[in-house]
PDB file of N, CA and C in Angstrom:
ATOM      1  N   UNK A   1    -203.915   8.587 -67.068  1.00  0.00           N
ATOM      2  CA  UNK A   1    -204.009   7.519 -68.021  1.00  0.00           C
ATOM      3  C   UNK A   1    -204.045   8.027 -69.461  1.00  0.00           C
ATOM      4  N   UNK A   2    -204.290   9.276 -69.659  1.00  0.00           N
ATOM      5  CA  UNK A   2    -204.289   9.825 -71.006  1.00  0.00           C
ATOM      6  C   UNK A   2    -202.859  10.090 -71.457  1.00  0.00           C
ATOM      7  N   UNK A   3    -202.681  10.150 -72.762  1.00  0.00           N
ATOM      8  CA  UNK A   3    -201.365  10.431 -73.313  1.00  0.00           C
ATOM      9  C   UNK A   3    -200.998  11.885 -73.065  1.00  0.00           C
ATOM     10  N   UNK A   4    -199.735  12.136 -72.792  1.00  0.00           N
ATOM     11  CA  UNK A   4    -199.296  13.509 -72.579  1.00  0.00           C
ATOM     12  C   UNK A   4    -199.189  14.234 -73.912  1.00  0.00           C
ATOM     13  N   UNK A   5    -199.145  15.538 -73.854  1.00  0.00           N
ATOM     14  CA  UNK A   5    -199.035  16.338 -75.071  1.00  0.00           C
ATOM     15  C   UNK A   5    -197.732  16.056 -75.799  1.00  0.00           C
ATOM     16  N   UNK A   6    -196.670  15.847 -75.034  1.00  0.00           N
ATOM     17  CA  UNK A   6    -195.364  15.597 -75.642  1.00  0.00           C
ATOM     18  C   UNK A   6    -195.352  14.255 -76.378  1.00  0.00           C
ATOM     19  N   UNK A   7    -195.954  13.238 -75.763  1.00  0.00           N
ATOM     20  CA  UNK A   7    -196.028  11.919 -76.401  1.00  0.00           C
ATOM     21  C   UNK A   7    -196.853  11.989 -77.666  1.00  0.00           C
ATOM     22  N   UNK A   8    -197.991  12.654 -77.581  1.00  0.00           N
ATOM     23  CA  UNK A   8    -198.865  12.793 -78.739  1.00  0.00           C
ATOM     24  C   UNK A   8    -198.162  13.552 -79.859  1.00  0.00           C
ATOM     25  N   UNK A   9    -197.485  14.636 -79.516  1.00  0.00           N
ATOM     26  CA  UNK A   9    -196.793  15.427 -80.524  1.00  0.00           C
ATOM     27  C   UNK A   9    -195.677  14.634 -81.193  1.00  0.00           C
ATOM     28  N   UNK A  10    -194.957  13.839 -80.425  1.00  0.00           N
ATOM     29  CA  UNK A  10    -193.865  13.060 -81.015  1.00  0.00           C
ATOM     30  C   UNK A  10    -194.409  11.977 -81.947  1.00  0.00           C
ATOM     31  N   UNK A  11    -195.520  11.351 -81.572  1.00  0.00           N
ATOM     32  CA  UNK A  11    -196.115  10.323 -82.431  1.00  0.00           C
ATOM     33  C   UNK A  11    -196.664  10.945 -83.711  1.00  0.00           C
ATOM     34  N   UNK A  12    -197.315  12.100 -83.584  1.00  0.00           N
ATOM     35  CA  UNK A  12    -197.871  12.772 -84.760  1.00  0.00           C
ATOM     36  C   UNK A  12    -196.756  13.201 -85.704  1.00  0.00           C
ATOM     37  N   UNK A  13    -195.664  13.720 -85.165  1.00  0.00           N
ATOM     38  CA  UNK A  13    -194.572  14.150 -86.037  1.00  0.00           C
ATOM     39  C   UNK A  13    -193.872  12.967 -86.682  1.00  0.00           C
ATOM     40  N   UNK A  14    -193.855  11.816 -86.014  1.00  0.00           N
ATOM     41  CA  UNK A  14    -193.177  10.642 -86.557  1.00  0.00           C
ATOM     42  C   UNK A  14    -193.993   9.971 -87.668  1.00  0.00           C
ATOM     43  N   UNK A  15    -195.304   9.835 -87.465  1.00  0.00           N
ATOM     44  CA  UNK A  15    -196.139   9.085 -88.402  1.00  0.00           C
ATOM     45  C   UNK A  15    -196.955   9.965 -89.346  1.00  0.00           C
ATOM     46  N   UNK A  16    -197.083  11.249 -89.058  1.00  0.00           N
ATOM     47  CA  UNK A  16    -197.886  12.129 -89.897  1.00  0.00           C
ATOM     48  C   UNK A  16    -197.069  12.830 -90.959  1.00  0.00           C
ATOM     49  N   UNK A  17    -197.769  13.456 -91.899  1.00  0.00           N
ATOM     50  CA  UNK A  17    -197.096  14.207 -92.957  1.00  0.00           C
ATOM     51  C   UNK A  17    -196.501  15.501 -92.411  1.00  0.00           C
ATOM     52  N   UNK A  18    -197.193  16.114 -91.431  1.00  0.00           N
ATOM     53  CA  UNK A  18    -196.671  17.305 -90.776  1.00  0.00           C
ATOM     54  C   UNK A  18    -197.098  17.278 -89.310  1.00  0.00           C
ATOM     55  N   UNK A  19    -196.805  18.333 -88.579  1.00  0.00           N
ATOM     56  CA  UNK A  19    -197.044  18.346 -87.132  1.00  0.00           C
ATOM     57  C   UNK A  19    -198.524  18.400 -86.760  1.00  0.00           C
ATOM     58  N   UNK A  20    -199.379  18.807 -87.688  1.00  0.00           N
ATOM     59  CA  UNK A  20    -200.804  18.912 -87.370  1.00  0.00           C
ATOM     60  C   UNK A  20    -201.640  17.867 -88.105  1.00  0.00           C
ATOM     61  N   UNK A  21    -201.016  16.810 -88.593  1.00  0.00           N
ATOM     62  CA  UNK A  21    -201.705  15.778 -89.368  1.00  0.00           C
ATOM     63  C   UNK A  21    -202.211  14.671 -88.454  1.00  0.00           C
ATOM     64  N   UNK A  22    -203.225  14.983 -87.649  1.00  0.00           N
ATOM     65  CA  UNK A  22    -203.738  14.002 -86.695  1.00  0.00           C
ATOM     66  C   UNK A  22    -204.829  13.119 -87.281  1.00  0.00           C
ATOM     67  N   UNK A  23    -205.334  13.431 -88.446  1.00  0.00           N
ATOM     68  CA  UNK A  23    -206.401  12.643 -89.044  1.00  0.00           C
ATOM     69  C   UNK A  23    -205.909  11.474 -89.867  1.00  0.00           C
ATOM     70  N   UNK A  24    -204.621  11.401 -90.099  1.00  0.00           N
ATOM     71  CA  UNK A  24    -204.040  10.328 -90.882  1.00  0.00           C
ATOM     72  C   UNK A  24    -204.261   8.992 -90.166  1.00  0.00           C
ATOM     73  N   UNK A  25    -204.570   7.954 -90.922  1.00  0.00           N
ATOM     74  CA  UNK A  25    -204.821   6.636 -90.326  1.00  0.00           C
ATOM     75  C   UNK A  25    -203.603   6.117 -89.591  1.00  0.00           C
ATOM     76  N   UNK A  26    -202.422   6.333 -90.145  1.00  0.00           N
ATOM     77  CA  UNK A  26    -201.196   5.867 -89.494  1.00  0.00           C
ATOM     78  C   UNK A  26    -201.022   6.528 -88.128  1.00  0.00           C
ATOM     79  N   UNK A  27    -201.302   7.797 -88.047  1.00  0.00           N
ATOM     80  CA  UNK A  27    -201.164   8.536 -86.786  1.00  0.00           C
ATOM     81  C   UNK A  27    -202.178   8.023 -85.778  1.00  0.00           C
ATOM     82  N   UNK A  28    -203.420   7.838 -86.216  1.00  0.00           N
ATOM     83  CA  UNK A  28    -204.457   7.368 -85.302  1.00  0.00           C
ATOM     84  C   UNK A  28    -204.140   5.980 -84.770  1.00  0.00           C
ATOM     85  N   UNK A  29    -203.641   5.100 -85.636  1.00  0.00           N
ATOM     86  CA  UNK A  29    -203.293   3.748 -85.205  1.00  0.00           C
ATOM     87  C   UNK A  29    -202.131   3.788 -84.227  1.00  0.00           C
ATOM     88  N   UNK A  30    -201.135   4.629 -84.485  1.00  0.00           N
ATOM     89  CA  UNK A  30    -199.989   4.732 -83.580  1.00  0.00           C
ATOM     90  C   UNK A  30    -200.411   5.292 -82.221  1.00  0.00           C
ATOM     91  N   UNK A  31    -201.298   6.276 -82.212  1.00  0.00           N
ATOM     92  CA  UNK A  31    -201.790   6.827 -80.946  1.00  0.00           C
ATOM     93  C   UNK A  31    -202.593   5.784 -80.167  1.00  0.00           C
ATOM     94  N   UNK A  32    -203.417   5.024 -80.880  1.00  0.00           N
ATOM     95  CA  UNK A  32    -204.190   3.982 -80.199  1.00  0.00           C
ATOM     96  C   UNK A  32    -203.280   2.895 -79.646  1.00  0.00           C
ATOM     97  N   UNK A  33    -202.214   2.580 -80.363  1.00  0.00           N
ATOM     98  CA  UNK A  33    -201.272   1.570 -79.891  1.00  0.00           C
ATOM     99  C   UNK A  33    -200.609   2.018 -78.594  1.00  0.00           C
ATOM    100  N   UNK A  34    -200.226   3.274 -78.519  1.00  0.00           N
ATOM    101  CA  UNK A  34    -199.619   3.800 -77.290  1.00  0.00           C
ATOM    102  C   UNK A  34    -200.627   3.776 -76.142  1.00  0.00           C
ATOM    103  N   UNK A  35    -201.855   4.128 -76.442  1.00  0.00           N
ATOM    104  CA  UNK A  35    -202.921   4.107 -75.428  1.00  0.00           C
ATOM    105  C   UNK A  35    -203.169   2.677 -74.944  1.00  0.00           C
ATOM    106  N   UNK A  36    -203.135   1.717 -75.858  1.00  0.00           N
ATOM    107  CA  UNK A  36    -203.336   0.315 -75.500  1.00  0.00           C
ATOM    108  C   UNK A  36    -202.220  -0.165 -74.582  1.00  0.00           C
ATOM    109  N   UNK A  37    -200.999   0.255 -74.852  1.00  0.00           N
ATOM    110  CA  UNK A  37    -199.877  -0.130 -73.989  1.00  0.00           C
ATOM    111  C   UNK A  37    -200.080   0.396 -72.572  1.00  0.00           C
ATOM    112  N   UNK A  38    -200.509   1.639 -72.448  1.00  0.00           N
ATOM    113  CA  UNK A  38    -200.746   2.215 -71.126  1.00  0.00           C
ATOM    114  C   UNK A  38    -201.906   1.530 -70.411  1.00  0.00           C
ATOM    115  N   UNK A  39    -202.987   1.266 -71.121  1.00  0.00           N
ATOM    116  CA  UNK A  39    -204.140   0.621 -70.501  1.00  0.00           C
ATOM    117  C   UNK A  39    -203.831  -0.819 -70.104  1.00  0.00           C
ATOM    118  N   UNK A  40    -203.021  -1.495 -70.898  1.00  0.00           N
ATOM    119  CA  UNK A  40    -202.640  -2.869 -70.560  1.00  0.00           C
ATOM    120  C   UNK A  40    -201.838  -2.899 -69.272  1.00  0.00           C
ATOM    121  N   UNK A  41    -200.898  -1.974 -69.135  1.00  0.00           N
ATOM    122  CA  UNK A  41    -200.111  -1.902 -67.903  1.00  0.00           C
ATOM    123  C   UNK A  41    -201.012  -1.580 -66.712  1.00  0.00           C
ATOM    124  N   UNK A  42    -201.966  -0.685 -66.902  1.00  0.00           N
ATOM    125  CA  UNK A  42    -202.896  -0.324 -65.826  1.00  0.00           C
ATOM    126  C   UNK A  42    -203.750  -1.527 -65.420  1.00  0.00           C
ATOM    127  N   UNK A  43    -204.230  -2.276 -66.409  1.00  0.00           N
ATOM    128  CA  UNK A  43    -205.086  -3.427 -66.104  1.00  0.00           C
ATOM    129  C   UNK A  43    -204.309  -4.547 -65.419  1.00  0.00           C
ATOM    130  N   UNK A  44    -203.017  -4.646 -65.700  1.00  0.00           N
ATOM    131  CA  UNK A  44    -202.205  -5.647 -64.998  1.00  0.00           C
ATOM    132  C   UNK A  44    -202.002  -5.244 -63.538  1.00  0.00           C
ATOM    133  N   UNK A  45    -201.878  -3.939 -63.289  1.00  0.00           N
ATOM    134  CA  UNK A  45    -201.706  -3.453 -61.925  1.00  0.00           C
ATOM    135  C   UNK A  45    -203.002  -3.519 -61.137  1.00  0.00           C
ATOM    136  N   UNK A  46    -204.103  -3.169 -61.786  1.00  0.00           N
ATOM    137  CA  UNK A  46    -205.414  -3.125 -61.138  1.00  0.00           C
ATOM    138  C   UNK A  46    -206.377  -4.066 -61.859  1.00  0.00           C
ATOM    139  N   UNK A  47    -206.322  -5.360 -61.581  1.00  0.00           N
ATOM    140  CA  UNK A  47    -207.136  -6.321 -62.337  1.00  0.00           C
ATOM    141  C   UNK A  47    -208.644  -6.203 -62.106  1.00  0.00           C
ATOM    142  N   UNK A  48    -209.076  -5.563 -61.042  1.00  0.00           N
ATOM    143  CA  UNK A  48    -210.513  -5.436 -60.787  1.00  0.00           C
ATOM    144  C   UNK A  48    -211.121  -4.166 -61.385  1.00  0.00           C
ATOM    145  N   UNK A  49    -210.330  -3.373 -62.076  1.00  0.00           N
ATOM    146  CA  UNK A  49    -210.821  -2.146 -62.701  1.00  0.00           C
ATOM    147  C   UNK A  49    -211.506  -2.506 -64.017  1.00  0.00           C
ATOM    148  N   UNK A  50    -212.790  -2.838 -63.935  1.00  0.00           N
ATOM    149  CA  UNK A  50    -213.509  -3.296 -65.119  1.00  0.00           C
ATOM    150  C   UNK A  50    -213.770  -2.165 -66.114  1.00  0.00           C
ATOM    151  N   UNK A  51    -213.841  -0.945 -65.639  1.00  0.00           N
ATOM    152  CA  UNK A  51    -214.042   0.187 -66.548  1.00  0.00           C
ATOM    153  C   UNK A  51    -212.826   0.362 -67.458  1.00  0.00           C
ATOM    154  N   UNK A  52    -211.647   0.191 -66.912  1.00  0.00           N
ATOM    155  CA  UNK A  52    -210.426   0.288 -67.720  1.00  0.00           C
ATOM    156  C   UNK A  52    -210.351  -0.873 -68.699  1.00  0.00           C
ATOM    157  N   UNK A  53    -210.796  -2.055 -68.281  1.00  0.00           N
ATOM    158  CA  UNK A  53    -210.781  -3.206 -69.180  1.00  0.00           C
ATOM    159  C   UNK A  53    -211.733  -2.992 -70.349  1.00  0.00           C
ATOM    160  N   UNK A  54    -212.884  -2.417 -70.069  1.00  0.00           N
ATOM    161  CA  UNK A  54    -213.846  -2.144 -71.133  1.00  0.00           C
ATOM    162  C   UNK A  54    -213.302  -1.079 -72.081  1.00  0.00           C
ATOM    163  N   UNK A  55    -212.672  -0.048 -71.522  1.00  0.00           N
ATOM    164  CA  UNK A  55    -212.061   0.974 -72.353  1.00  0.00           C
ATOM    165  C   UNK A  55    -210.964   0.410 -73.229  1.00  0.00           C
ATOM    166  N   UNK A  56    -210.191  -0.515 -72.675  1.00  0.00           N
ATOM    167  CA  UNK A  56    -209.127  -1.171 -73.450  1.00  0.00           C
ATOM    168  C   UNK A  56    -209.722  -1.937 -74.623  1.00  0.00           C
ATOM    169  N   UNK A  57    -210.793  -2.668 -74.372  1.00  0.00           N
ATOM    170  CA  UNK A  57    -211.426  -3.427 -75.457  1.00  0.00           C
ATOM    171  C   UNK A  57    -211.995  -2.511 -76.536  1.00  0.00           C
ATOM    172  N   UNK A  58    -212.518  -1.366 -76.133  1.00  0.00           N
ATOM    173  CA  UNK A  58    -213.055  -0.421 -77.115  1.00  0.00           C
ATOM    174  C   UNK A  58    -211.948   0.152 -77.997  1.00  0.00           C
ATOM    175  N   UNK A  59    -210.811   0.482 -77.388  1.00  0.00           N
ATOM    176  CA  UNK A  59    -209.689   1.036 -78.154  1.00  0.00           C
ATOM    177  C   UNK A  59    -209.112  -0.027 -79.082  1.00  0.00           C
ATOM    178  N   UNK A  60    -209.025  -1.265 -78.610  1.00  0.00           N
ATOM    179  CA  UNK A  60    -208.518  -2.357 -79.447  1.00  0.00           C
ATOM    180  C   UNK A  60    -209.437  -2.570 -80.653  1.00  0.00           C
ATOM    181  N   UNK A  61    -210.747  -2.515 -80.428  1.00  0.00           N
ATOM    182  CA  UNK A  61    -211.699  -2.670 -81.527  1.00  0.00           C
ATOM    183  C   UNK A  61    -211.601  -1.544 -82.540  1.00  0.00           C
ATOM    184  N   UNK A  62    -211.443  -0.337 -82.066  1.00  0.00           N
ATOM    185  CA  UNK A  62    -211.318   0.812 -82.971  1.00  0.00           C
ATOM    186  C   UNK A  62    -210.035   0.710 -83.784  1.00  0.00           C
ATOM    187  N   UNK A  63    -208.942   0.277 -83.134  1.00  0.00           N
ATOM    188  CA  UNK A  63    -207.676   0.118 -83.861  1.00  0.00           C
ATOM    189  C   UNK A  63    -207.794  -0.989 -84.891  1.00  0.00           C
ATOM    190  N   UNK A  64    -208.504  -2.063 -84.540  1.00  0.00           N
ATOM    191  CA  UNK A  64    -208.684  -3.165 -85.485  1.00  0.00           C
ATOM    192  C   UNK A  64    -209.415  -2.700 -86.736  1.00  0.00           C
ATOM    193  N   UNK A  65    -210.445  -1.861 -86.550  1.00  0.00           N
ATOM    194  CA  UNK A  65    -211.192  -1.346 -87.696  1.00  0.00           C
ATOM    195  C   UNK A  65    -210.310  -0.465 -88.576  1.00  0.00           C
ATOM    196  N   UNK A  66    -209.492   0.397 -87.943  1.00  0.00           N
ATOM    197  CA  UNK A  66    -208.602   1.250 -88.725  1.00  0.00           C
ATOM    198  C   UNK A  66    -207.542   0.430 -89.456  1.00  0.00           C
ATOM    199  N   UNK A  67    -207.025  -0.610 -88.813  1.00  0.00           N
ATOM    200  CA  UNK A  67    -206.049  -1.472 -89.478  1.00  0.00           C
ATOM    201  C   UNK A  67    -206.670  -2.202 -90.663  1.00  0.00           C
ATOM    202  N   UNK A  68    -207.904  -2.616 -90.512  1.00  0.00           N
ATOM    203  CA  UNK A  68    -208.616  -3.281 -91.611  1.00  0.00           C
ATOM    204  C   UNK A  68    -208.796  -2.324 -92.789  1.00  0.00           C
ATOM    205  N   UNK A  69    -209.145  -1.077 -92.493  1.00  0.00           N
ATOM    206  CA  UNK A  69    -209.280  -0.060 -93.532  1.00  0.00           C
ATOM    207  C   UNK A  69    -207.947   0.196 -94.221  1.00  0.00           C
ATOM    208  N   UNK A  70    -206.878   0.334 -93.435  1.00  0.00           N
ATOM    209  CA  UNK A  70    -205.568   0.605 -94.001  1.00  0.00           C
ATOM    210  C   UNK A  70    -205.099  -0.552 -94.866  1.00  0.00           C
ATOM    211  N   UNK A  71    -205.360  -1.764 -94.437  1.00  0.00           N
ATOM    212  CA  UNK A  71    -204.969  -2.945 -95.217  1.00  0.00           C
ATOM    213  C   UNK A  71    -205.705  -2.978 -96.547  1.00  0.00           C
ATOM    214  N   UNK A  72    -206.964  -2.575 -96.537  1.00  0.00           N
ATOM    215  CA  UNK A  72    -207.776  -2.576 -97.751  1.00  0.00           C
ATOM    216  C   UNK A  72    -207.336  -1.487 -98.734  1.00  0.00           C
ATOM    217  N   UNK A  73    -206.924  -0.337 -98.220  1.00  0.00           N
ATOM    218  CA  UNK A  73    -206.617   0.794 -99.091  1.00  0.00           C
ATOM    219  C   UNK A  73    -205.138   0.936 -99.428  1.00  0.00           C
ATOM    220  N   UNK A  74    -204.240   0.556 -98.503  1.00  0.00           N
ATOM    221  CA  UNK A  74    -202.808   0.770 -98.714  1.00  0.00           C
ATOM    222  C   UNK A  74    -202.046  -0.398 -98.071  1.00  0.00           C
ATOM    223  N   UNK A  75    -201.876  -1.475 -98.823  1.00  0.00           N
ATOM    224  CA  UNK A  75    -201.298  -2.693 -98.265  1.00  0.00           C
ATOM    225  C   UNK A  75    -199.842  -2.506 -97.848  1.00  0.00           C
ATOM    226  N   UNK A  76    -199.056  -1.806 -98.651  1.00  0.00           N
ATOM    227  CA  UNK A  76    -197.644  -1.591 -98.300  1.00  0.00           C
ATOM    228  C   UNK A  76    -197.506  -0.707 -97.065  1.00  0.00           C
ATOM    229  N   UNK A  77    -198.340   0.329 -96.972  1.00  0.00           N
ATOM    230  CA  UNK A  77    -198.339   1.181 -95.787  1.00  0.00           C
ATOM    231  C   UNK A  77    -198.749   0.411 -94.547  1.00  0.00           C
ATOM    232  N   UNK A  78    -199.713  -0.487 -94.704  1.00  0.00           N
ATOM    233  CA  UNK A  78    -200.165  -1.338 -93.604  1.00  0.00           C
ATOM    234  C   UNK A  78    -199.022  -2.218 -93.110  1.00  0.00           C
ATOM    235  N   UNK A  79    -198.336  -2.861 -94.042  1.00  0.00           N
ATOM    236  CA  UNK A  79    -197.243  -3.760 -93.661  1.00  0.00           C
ATOM    237  C   UNK A  79    -196.107  -3.018 -92.976  1.00  0.00           C
ATOM    238  N   UNK A  80    -195.762  -1.849 -93.483  1.00  0.00           N
ATOM    239  CA  UNK A  80    -194.672  -1.094 -92.858  1.00  0.00           C
ATOM    240  C   UNK A  80    -195.078  -0.575 -91.474  1.00  0.00           C
ATOM    241  N   UNK A  81    -196.334  -0.187 -91.317  1.00  0.00           N
ATOM    242  CA  UNK A  81    -196.801   0.332 -90.026  1.00  0.00           C
ATOM    243  C   UNK A  81    -196.821  -0.753 -88.952  1.00  0.00           C
ATOM    244  N   UNK A  82    -197.343  -1.935 -89.272  1.00  0.00           N
ATOM    245  CA  UNK A  82    -197.385  -2.984 -88.252  1.00  0.00           C
ATOM    246  C   UNK A  82    -195.984  -3.481 -87.925  1.00  0.00           C
ATOM    247  N   UNK A  83    -195.096  -3.400 -88.893  1.00  0.00           N
ATOM    248  CA  UNK A  83    -193.706  -3.790 -88.616  1.00  0.00           C
ATOM    249  C   UNK A  83    -193.041  -2.772 -87.699  1.00  0.00           C
ATOM    250  N   UNK A  84    -193.286  -1.495 -87.964  1.00  0.00           N
ATOM    251  CA  UNK A  84    -192.683  -0.431 -87.154  1.00  0.00           C
ATOM    252  C   UNK A  84    -193.245  -0.383 -85.739  1.00  0.00           C
ATOM    253  N   UNK A  85    -194.555  -0.627 -85.604  1.00  0.00           N
ATOM    254  CA  UNK A  85    -195.177  -0.591 -84.285  1.00  0.00           C
ATOM    255  C   UNK A  85    -195.027  -1.923 -83.538  1.00  0.00           C
ATOM    256  N   UNK A  86    -194.711  -2.978 -84.257  1.00  0.00           N
ATOM    257  CA  UNK A  86    -194.580  -4.281 -83.625  1.00  0.00           C
ATOM    258  C   UNK A  86    -195.908  -4.842 -83.163  1.00  0.00           C
ATOM    259  N   UNK A  87    -196.951  -4.631 -83.937  1.00  0.00           N
ATOM    260  CA  UNK A  87    -198.286  -5.053 -83.531  1.00  0.00           C
ATOM    261  C   UNK A  87    -198.474  -6.550 -83.745  1.00  0.00           C
ATOM    262  N   UNK A  88    -198.228  -7.007 -84.964  1.00  0.00           N
ATOM    263  CA  UNK A  88    -198.454  -8.419 -85.287  1.00  0.00           C
ATOM    264  C   UNK A  88    -197.129  -9.059 -85.645  1.00  0.00           C
ATOM    265  N   UNK A  89    -196.992 -10.285 -85.239  1.00  0.00           N
ATOM    266  CA  UNK A  89    -195.725 -10.982 -85.483  1.00  0.00           C
ATOM    267  C   UNK A  89    -195.810 -11.815 -86.735  1.00  0.00           C
TER     268      UNK A  89
END
């Protein structure tokens, strides 16, 4: 259920300033979005897995906080990121 190294590396290189820029808000939000997609698919397959559902809610909450921070500090970056990730319509 965890992200593979290759997936993580590709997301970091796409959204970060360089290959080791994992602390960037854009990178963290993109990684959480990928994790949310995987957990959502898992929860649809296994609806009684309450631990996975709780983990999904925790990741969604953490992403929401980071998105709120990004919106407050860099509005144009926020808009481009949600458009690229397809988070909000």
